[in-house]
Amino acid sequence: METSYYISVAIKKYLDEHGMKSYKLAEASGCNKTAVNNWLYQRQMPSARALIQLADYMNVPMDYLLGRSENKSIIRSGSPEKF
């Protein structure tokens, strides 16, 4: 399946679980309202920046949004890793 499908499913699940409308998600996450609807209906792929905003707001890992993992938990370490 295409990545846009997994993003759409993740957003729909979040909206259902939180009793939220897409425009409220857009406002709260700092994303464009039209863009969020386009992601919901798989008409457009979010930019990397928008994916980060969405994942941060939804408190899920990027892998979950992209359909690479079913785990919605974020593991945070005490300090950021150095590259």
N, C-alpha and C. Protein backbone atom coordinates (compact mmCIF):
# COMPACT_ATOMS: atom_id res chain seq x y z
N MET A 1 0.84 -1.18 0.00
CA MET A 1 0.00 0.00 0.00
C MET A 1 0.88 1.24 0.00
N GLU A 2 0.31 2.32 -0.45
CA GLU A 2 1.06 3.56 -0.51
C GLU A 2 1.13 4.23 0.86
N THR A 3 2.17 4.98 1.05
CA THR A 3 2.38 5.69 2.31
C THR A 3 1.22 6.61 2.63
N SER A 4 0.64 7.24 1.62
CA SER A 4 -0.48 8.15 1.85
C SER A 4 -1.65 7.44 2.52
N TYR A 5 -1.83 6.17 2.23
CA TYR A 5 -2.89 5.39 2.86
C TYR A 5 -2.66 5.29 4.37
N TYR A 6 -1.44 4.97 4.77
CA TYR A 6 -1.13 4.81 6.19
C TYR A 6 -1.27 6.12 6.95
N ILE A 7 -0.87 7.21 6.31
CA ILE A 7 -1.00 8.53 6.94
C ILE A 7 -2.48 8.83 7.14
N SER A 8 -3.28 8.58 6.14
CA SER A 8 -4.71 8.80 6.22
C SER A 8 -5.34 7.98 7.34
N VAL A 9 -5.00 6.72 7.42
CA VAL A 9 -5.55 5.83 8.46
C VAL A 9 -5.14 6.32 9.85
N ALA A 10 -3.89 6.71 10.02
CA ALA A 10 -3.42 7.19 11.32
C ALA A 10 -4.16 8.45 11.74
N ILE A 11 -4.37 9.36 10.81
CA ILE A 11 -5.10 10.59 11.14
C ILE A 11 -6.55 10.27 11.49
N LYS A 12 -7.19 9.41 10.70
CA LYS A 12 -8.58 9.04 10.96
C LYS A 12 -8.73 8.39 12.33
N LYS A 13 -7.81 7.49 12.67
CA LYS A 13 -7.85 6.84 13.98
C LYS A 13 -7.73 7.88 15.10
N TYR A 14 -6.80 8.81 14.93
CA TYR A 14 -6.59 9.84 15.94
C TYR A 14 -7.86 10.68 16.10
N LEU A 15 -8.45 11.09 14.99
CA LEU A 15 -9.67 11.90 15.05
C LEU A 15 -10.79 11.15 15.75
N ASP A 16 -10.96 9.88 15.41
CA ASP A 16 -12.01 9.06 16.03
C ASP A 16 -11.77 8.88 17.53
N GLU A 17 -10.52 8.55 17.90
CA GLU A 17 -10.19 8.31 19.30
C GLU A 17 -10.35 9.56 20.17
N HIS A 18 -10.17 10.72 19.57
CA HIS A 18 -10.22 11.97 20.34
C HIS A 18 -11.48 12.79 20.06
N GLY A 19 -12.40 12.24 19.29
CA GLY A 19 -13.64 12.94 18.98
C GLY A 19 -13.39 14.32 18.40
N MET A 20 -12.45 14.38 17.48
CA MET A 20 -11.98 15.65 16.94
C MET A 20 -12.30 15.73 15.46
N LYS A 21 -12.53 16.94 14.99
CA LYS A 21 -12.73 17.20 13.56
C LYS A 21 -11.38 17.56 12.94
N SER A 22 -11.26 17.36 11.65
CA SER A 22 -9.98 17.60 10.97
C SER A 22 -9.52 19.05 11.07
N TYR A 23 -10.45 20.00 11.04
CA TYR A 23 -10.04 21.40 11.12
C TYR A 23 -9.47 21.73 12.51
N LYS A 24 -9.96 21.06 13.55
CA LYS A 24 -9.41 21.27 14.90
C LYS A 24 -8.00 20.69 15.00
N LEU A 25 -7.79 19.53 14.37
CA LEU A 25 -6.45 18.94 14.33
C LEU A 25 -5.49 19.88 13.62
N ALA A 26 -5.95 20.44 12.52
CA ALA A 26 -5.11 21.38 11.76
C ALA A 26 -4.73 22.58 12.62
N GLU A 27 -5.71 23.18 13.26
CA GLU A 27 -5.45 24.34 14.11
C GLU A 27 -4.49 24.00 15.25
N ALA A 28 -4.76 22.90 15.92
CA ALA A 28 -3.96 22.54 17.10
C ALA A 28 -2.54 22.13 16.75
N SER A 29 -2.36 21.51 15.57
CA SER A 29 -1.03 21.03 15.20
C SER A 29 -0.23 22.07 14.41
N GLY A 30 -0.89 23.13 13.99
CA GLY A 30 -0.21 24.16 13.22
C GLY A 30 -0.12 23.83 11.73
N CYS A 31 -0.93 22.87 11.29
CA CYS A 31 -0.95 22.49 9.88
C CYS A 31 -2.10 23.21 9.17
N ASN A 32 -2.01 23.30 7.87
CA ASN A 32 -3.03 23.93 7.05
C ASN A 32 -4.29 23.06 7.00
N LYS A 33 -5.46 23.68 7.14
CA LYS A 33 -6.72 22.93 7.14
C LYS A 33 -6.95 22.17 5.84
N THR A 34 -6.71 22.83 4.72
CA THR A 34 -6.90 22.18 3.43
C THR A 34 -5.93 21.01 3.27
N ALA A 35 -4.70 21.20 3.71
CA ALA A 35 -3.70 20.14 3.62
C ALA A 35 -4.12 18.92 4.42
N VAL A 36 -4.62 19.12 5.64
CA VAL A 36 -5.04 18.00 6.48
C VAL A 36 -6.14 17.21 5.77
N ASN A 37 -7.10 17.90 5.17
CA ASN A 37 -8.16 17.20 4.43
C ASN A 37 -7.59 16.47 3.23
N ASN A 38 -6.62 17.06 2.56
CA ASN A 38 -5.98 16.38 1.43
C ASN A 38 -5.27 15.12 1.88
N TRP A 39 -4.66 15.15 3.05
CA TRP A 39 -3.99 13.95 3.59
C TRP A 39 -5.01 12.90 3.95
N LEU A 40 -6.13 13.33 4.54
CA LEU A 40 -7.19 12.39 4.91
C LEU A 40 -7.72 11.63 3.71
N TYR A 41 -7.86 12.31 2.59
CA TYR A 41 -8.44 11.70 1.40
C TYR A 41 -7.38 11.30 0.37
N GLN A 42 -6.13 11.25 0.82
CA GLN A 42 -4.99 10.76 0.03
C GLN A 42 -4.82 11.51 -1.29
N ARG A 43 -5.12 12.79 -1.27
CA ARG A 43 -4.94 13.60 -2.47
C ARG A 43 -3.56 14.24 -2.52
N GLN A 44 -2.87 14.23 -1.39
CA GLN A 44 -1.58 14.91 -1.29
C GLN A 44 -0.77 14.26 -0.17
N MET A 45 0.54 14.27 -0.34
CA MET A 45 1.44 13.79 0.70
C MET A 45 1.92 14.97 1.53
N PRO A 46 1.97 14.82 2.85
CA PRO A 46 2.50 15.91 3.67
C PRO A 46 4.00 16.07 3.47
N SER A 47 4.47 17.29 3.65
CA SER A 47 5.91 17.55 3.61
C SER A 47 6.54 16.92 4.86
N ALA A 48 7.85 16.83 4.86
CA ALA A 48 8.56 16.30 6.04
C ALA A 48 8.25 17.16 7.26
N ARG A 49 8.25 18.46 7.08
CA ARG A 49 7.96 19.38 8.20
C ARG A 49 6.55 19.14 8.75
N ALA A 50 5.57 18.98 7.86
CA ALA A 50 4.19 18.75 8.29
C ALA A 50 4.07 17.40 9.01
N LEU A 51 4.77 16.38 8.53
CA LEU A 51 4.75 15.07 9.20
C LEU A 51 5.30 15.17 10.62
N ILE A 52 6.36 15.94 10.77
CA ILE A 52 6.94 16.12 12.10
C ILE A 52 5.96 16.84 13.01
N GLN A 53 5.33 17.90 12.50
CA GLN A 53 4.34 18.64 13.29
C GLN A 53 3.20 17.72 13.71
N LEU A 54 2.72 16.93 12.78
CA LEU A 54 1.62 16.02 13.04
C LEU A 54 2.01 14.95 14.06
N ALA A 55 3.15 14.34 13.87
CA ALA A 55 3.62 13.31 14.80
C ALA A 55 3.83 13.89 16.20
N ASP A 56 4.40 15.08 16.27
CA ASP A 56 4.61 15.72 17.57
C ASP A 56 3.29 16.00 18.26
N TYR A 57 2.34 16.55 17.52
CA TYR A 57 1.04 16.87 18.12
C TYR A 57 0.30 15.60 18.54
N MET A 58 0.31 14.59 17.68
CA MET A 58 -0.40 13.35 17.96
C MET A 58 0.35 12.47 18.96
N ASN A 59 1.59 12.86 19.25
CA ASN A 59 2.44 12.13 20.20
C ASN A 59 2.65 10.68 19.76
N VAL A 60 2.96 10.52 18.47
CA VAL A 60 3.25 9.21 17.90
C VAL A 60 4.56 9.29 17.13
N PRO A 61 5.25 8.16 16.98
CA PRO A 61 6.49 8.17 16.18
C PRO A 61 6.19 8.31 14.68
N MET A 62 7.13 8.83 13.96
CA MET A 62 7.00 8.98 12.51
C MET A 62 6.73 7.62 11.85
N ASP A 63 7.37 6.57 12.34
CA ASP A 63 7.16 5.24 11.77
C ASP A 63 5.70 4.82 11.83
N TYR A 64 4.99 5.22 12.87
CA TYR A 64 3.57 4.91 12.98
C TYR A 64 2.79 5.64 11.88
N LEU A 65 3.05 6.92 11.71
CA LEU A 65 2.36 7.69 10.67
C LEU A 65 2.62 7.14 9.27
N LEU A 66 3.83 6.66 9.06
CA LEU A 66 4.22 6.18 7.74
C LEU A 66 3.86 4.71 7.49
N GLY A 67 3.24 4.06 8.48
CA GLY A 67 2.82 2.67 8.31
C GLY A 67 3.94 1.67 8.46
N ARG A 68 5.05 2.10 9.06
CA ARG A 68 6.19 1.20 9.24
C ARG A 68 6.16 0.48 10.58
N SER A 69 5.24 0.91 11.46
CA SER A 69 5.11 0.29 12.78
C SER A 69 3.69 0.49 13.28
N GLU A 70 3.20 -0.45 14.04
CA GLU A 70 1.88 -0.30 14.65
C GLU A 70 2.01 0.24 16.07
N ASN A 71 3.24 0.42 16.53
CA ASN A 71 3.50 0.92 17.87
C ASN A 71 3.34 2.44 17.91
N LYS A 72 2.40 2.91 18.73
CA LYS A 72 2.16 4.34 18.85
C LYS A 72 2.97 4.99 19.97
N SER A 73 3.74 4.20 20.70
CA SER A 73 4.50 4.73 21.82
C SER A 73 5.82 5.34 21.37
N ILE A 74 6.15 6.45 21.99
CA ILE A 74 7.42 7.10 21.71
C ILE A 74 8.37 6.80 22.86
N ILE A 75 9.53 6.31 22.53
CA ILE A 75 10.55 6.04 23.55
C ILE A 75 11.48 7.23 23.58
N ARG A 76 11.53 7.89 24.70
CA ARG A 76 12.38 9.07 24.83
C ARG A 76 13.50 8.77 25.82
N SER A 77 14.68 9.12 25.42
CA SER A 77 15.82 8.93 26.33
C SER A 77 16.03 10.21 27.12
N GLY A 78 16.84 10.14 28.13
CA GLY A 78 17.11 11.29 28.97
C GLY A 78 17.80 12.43 28.25
N SER A 79 18.68 12.10 27.31
CA SER A 79 19.36 13.15 26.58
C SER A 79 19.44 12.76 25.10
N PRO A 80 19.45 13.74 24.23
CA PRO A 80 19.50 13.43 22.81
C PRO A 80 20.82 12.78 22.41
N GLU A 81 20.75 11.90 21.42
CA GLU A 81 21.96 11.25 20.94
C GLU A 81 22.79 12.23 20.12
N LYS A 82 24.10 12.06 20.18
CA LYS A 82 24.98 12.90 19.38
C LYS A 82 25.37 12.13 18.14
N PHE A 83 25.46 12.83 17.05
CA PHE A 83 25.86 12.22 15.78
C PHE A 83 27.31 12.41 15.52
